[in-house]
Amino acid sequence: MLASQISALQPGTDLVTITIGGNDAGFGPVLRTCTAADSDDTCFAAVDAAESFERSALPDRLSRTYAAIRRAASHAQVVVPGSPRLFDPAPSCTAPQVPNGARRT
């Protein structure tokens, strides 16, 4: 994002929306793993690795990104929407290709 998108911001930019961090933390690969893995332990290991990254490396990356946005568009309102809930956590969800209850949790 810093290399390819920050240049689009101008001092007069008044609104910035950004979703950030999911790709860095491996959201797609974790989702694939937890959908297709033969064992829950494989899924849980992928989730643990992503959460470890989120705690250790992601805060600094987010801080640098938000600082760069502030430098490029100092008066902009910055909106960071959350991630969607992709699965019904209810134990009765049996849709095909949906991870089991333990993996959804």
C-alpha atoms as a PDB file:
ATOM      1  CA  MET A   1       0.000   0.000   0.000  1.00  0.00           C
ATOM      2  CA  LEU A   2       2.756   2.455   0.882  1.00  0.00           C
ATOM      3  CA  ALA A   3       4.618   1.849  -2.372  1.00  0.00           C
ATOM      4  CA  SER A   4       1.669   1.900  -4.713  1.00  0.00           C
ATOM      5  CA  GLN A   5      -1.237   3.855  -3.209  1.00  0.00           C
ATOM      6  CA  ILE A   6      -0.025   6.560  -0.842  1.00  0.00           C
ATOM      7  CA  SER A   7       0.912   8.762  -3.815  1.00  0.00           C
ATOM      8  CA  ALA A   8      -2.782   9.097  -4.689  1.00  0.00           C
ATOM      9  CA  LEU A   9      -3.335  11.156  -1.532  1.00  0.00           C
ATOM     10  CA  GLN A  10      -3.090  14.925  -1.689  1.00  0.00           C
ATOM     11  CA  PRO A  11      -3.035  17.636   0.992  1.00  0.00           C
ATOM     12  CA  GLY A  12      -6.674  18.390   0.104  1.00  0.00           C
ATOM     13  CA  THR A  13      -7.832  14.787   0.493  1.00  0.00           C
ATOM     14  CA  ASP A  14     -10.616  14.829   3.074  1.00  0.00           C
ATOM     15  CA  LEU A  15     -11.515  11.141   3.414  1.00  0.00           C
ATOM     16  CA  VAL A  16      -9.415   7.985   3.354  1.00  0.00           C
ATOM     17  CA  THR A  17     -10.927   4.530   3.724  1.00  0.00           C
ATOM     18  CA  ILE A  18      -8.599   1.611   4.158  1.00  0.00           C
ATOM     19  CA  THR A  19      -8.801  -2.055   4.978  1.00  0.00           C
ATOM     20  CA  ILE A  20      -5.436  -3.244   6.067  1.00  0.00           C
ATOM     21  CA  GLY A  21      -3.659  -6.111   7.768  1.00  0.00           C
ATOM     22  CA  GLY A  22      -5.617  -9.140   6.602  1.00  0.00           C
ATOM     23  CA  ASN A  23      -3.363  -9.939   3.659  1.00  0.00           C
ATOM     24  CA  ASP A  24      -0.259  -9.345   5.769  1.00  0.00           C
ATOM     25  CA  ALA A  25      -1.549 -11.757   8.405  1.00  0.00           C
ATOM     26  CA  GLY A  26      -2.343 -14.398   5.787  1.00  0.00           C
ATOM     27  CA  PHE A  27      -6.126 -14.187   5.981  1.00  0.00           C
ATOM     28  CA  GLY A  28      -6.665 -15.976   2.642  1.00  0.00           C
ATOM     29  CA  PRO A  29      -4.251 -18.840   3.304  1.00  0.00           C
ATOM     30  CA  VAL A  30      -5.621 -19.320   6.830  1.00  0.00           C
ATOM     31  CA  LEU A  31      -9.159 -19.447   5.478  1.00  0.00           C
ATOM     32  CA  ARG A  32      -8.142 -21.995   2.846  1.00  0.00           C
ATOM     33  CA  THR A  33      -6.325 -24.069   5.442  1.00  0.00           C
ATOM     34  CA  CYS A  34      -9.225 -24.049   7.858  1.00  0.00           C
ATOM     35  CA  THR A  35     -11.661 -24.938   5.088  1.00  0.00           C
ATOM     36  CA  ALA A  36      -9.675 -27.830   3.604  1.00  0.00           C
ATOM     37  CA  ALA A  37      -7.252 -29.142   6.249  1.00  0.00           C
ATOM     38  CA  ASP A  38      -7.561 -32.778   7.225  1.00  0.00           C
ATOM     39  CA  SER A  39      -7.235 -31.954  10.905  1.00  0.00           C
ATOM     40  CA  ASP A  40      -8.373 -29.210  13.232  1.00  0.00           C
ATOM     41  CA  ASP A  41      -4.810 -28.965  14.552  1.00  0.00           C
ATOM     42  CA  THR A  42      -3.580 -27.853  11.125  1.00  0.00           C
ATOM     43  CA  CYS A  43      -6.194 -25.090  11.108  1.00  0.00           C
ATOM     44  CA  PHE A  44      -5.400 -24.052  14.678  1.00  0.00           C
ATOM     45  CA  ALA A  45      -1.676 -23.855  13.873  1.00  0.00           C
ATOM     46  CA  ALA A  46      -2.398 -21.548  10.927  1.00  0.00           C
ATOM     47  CA  VAL A  47      -4.610 -19.340  13.106  1.00  0.00           C
ATOM     48  CA  ASP A  48      -1.970 -19.254  15.861  1.00  0.00           C
ATOM     49  CA  ALA A  49       0.712 -18.176  13.366  1.00  0.00           C
ATOM     50  CA  ALA A  50      -1.520 -15.399  12.013  1.00  0.00           C
ATOM     51  CA  GLU A  51      -2.367 -14.192  15.504  1.00  0.00           C
ATOM     52  CA  SER A  52       1.312 -14.191  16.449  1.00  0.00           C
ATOM     53  CA  PHE A  53       2.073 -12.029  13.411  1.00  0.00           C
ATOM     54  CA  GLU A  54      -0.804  -9.705  14.328  1.00  0.00           C
ATOM     55  CA  ARG A  55       0.642  -9.215  17.812  1.00  0.00           C
ATOM     56  CA  SER A  56       4.299  -8.869  16.843  1.00  0.00           C
ATOM     57  CA  ALA A  57       4.760  -7.331  13.387  1.00  0.00           C
ATOM     58  CA  LEU A  58       1.418  -5.873  12.372  1.00  0.00           C
ATOM     59  CA  PRO A  59       1.242  -2.996  14.897  1.00  0.00           C
ATOM     60  CA  ASP A  60       4.429  -1.424  13.532  1.00  0.00           C
ATOM     61  CA  ARG A  61       3.244  -1.806   9.940  1.00  0.00           C
ATOM     62  CA  LEU A  62      -0.099  -0.222  10.787  1.00  0.00           C
ATOM     63  CA  SER A  63       1.601   2.626  12.622  1.00  0.00           C
ATOM     64  CA  ARG A  64       3.884   3.353   9.655  1.00  0.00           C
ATOM     65  CA  THR A  65       0.947   3.241   7.244  1.00  0.00           C
ATOM     66  CA  TYR A  66      -1.258   5.557   9.308  1.00  0.00           C
ATOM     67  CA  ALA A  67       1.661   7.977   9.750  1.00  0.00           C
ATOM     68  CA  ALA A  68       2.239   8.024   5.989  1.00  0.00           C
ATOM     69  CA  ILE A  69      -1.455   8.723   5.398  1.00  0.00           C
ATOM     70  CA  ARG A  70      -1.322  11.552   7.921  1.00  0.00           C
ATOM     71  CA  ARG A  71       1.754  13.052   6.231  1.00  0.00           C
ATOM     72  CA  ALA A  72       0.164  12.883   2.779  1.00  0.00           C
ATOM     73  CA  ALA A  73      -3.333  14.034   3.789  1.00  0.00           C
ATOM     74  CA  SER A  74      -3.002  15.723   7.153  1.00  0.00           C
ATOM     75  CA  HIS A  75      -6.629  16.819   7.444  1.00  0.00           C
ATOM     76  CA  ALA A  76      -8.296  13.683   6.111  1.00  0.00           C
ATOM     77  CA  GLN A  77     -10.696  11.640   8.153  1.00  0.00           C
ATOM     78  CA  VAL A  78      -9.366   8.059   8.117  1.00  0.00           C
ATOM     79  CA  VAL A  79     -11.965   5.287   8.258  1.00  0.00           C
ATOM     80  CA  VAL A  80     -10.859   1.700   8.891  1.00  0.00           C
ATOM     81  CA  PRO A  81     -13.814  -0.712   8.621  1.00  0.00           C
ATOM     82  CA  GLY A  82     -13.637  -4.021  10.425  1.00  0.00           C
ATOM     83  CA  SER A  83     -13.548  -7.439   8.847  1.00  0.00           C
ATOM     84  CA  PRO A  84     -16.812  -9.234   8.122  1.00  0.00           C
ATOM     85  CA  ARG A  85     -17.951 -12.319   9.966  1.00  0.00           C
ATOM     86  CA  LEU A  86     -17.854 -14.959   7.254  1.00  0.00           C
ATOM     87  CA  PHE A  87     -19.502 -17.825   9.086  1.00  0.00           C
ATOM     88  CA  ASP A  88     -22.460 -18.406  11.321  1.00  0.00           C
ATOM     89  CA  PRO A  89     -20.823 -19.600  14.554  1.00  0.00           C
ATOM     90  CA  ALA A  90     -23.893 -21.666  15.439  1.00  0.00           C
ATOM     91  CA  PRO A  91     -23.140 -25.375  15.801  1.00  0.00           C
ATOM     92  CA  SER A  92     -25.943 -26.219  13.373  1.00  0.00           C
ATOM     93  CA  CYS A  93     -24.249 -24.613  10.341  1.00  0.00           C
ATOM     94  CA  THR A  94     -23.738 -27.476   7.902  1.00  0.00           C
ATOM     95  CA  ALA A  95     -23.318 -25.605   4.627  1.00  0.00           C
ATOM     96  CA  PRO A  96     -20.830 -27.258   2.257  1.00  0.00           C
ATOM     97  CA  GLN A  97     -17.276 -25.884   2.341  1.00  0.00           C
ATOM     98  CA  VAL A  98     -17.854 -24.228   5.735  1.00  0.00           C
ATOM     99  CA  PRO A  99     -15.325 -25.199   8.408  1.00  0.00           C
ATOM    100  CA  ASN A 100     -16.649 -27.148  11.364  1.00  0.00           C
ATOM    101  CA  GLY A 101     -17.734 -25.399  14.582  1.00  0.00           C
ATOM    102  CA  ALA A 102     -14.322 -25.586  16.262  1.00  0.00           C
ATOM    103  CA  ARG A 103     -12.629 -24.053  13.231  1.00  0.00           C
ATOM    104  CA  ARG A 104     -15.255 -21.313  12.865  1.00  0.00           C
ATOM    105  CA  THR A 105     -14.703 -20.352  16.492  1.00  0.00           C
END
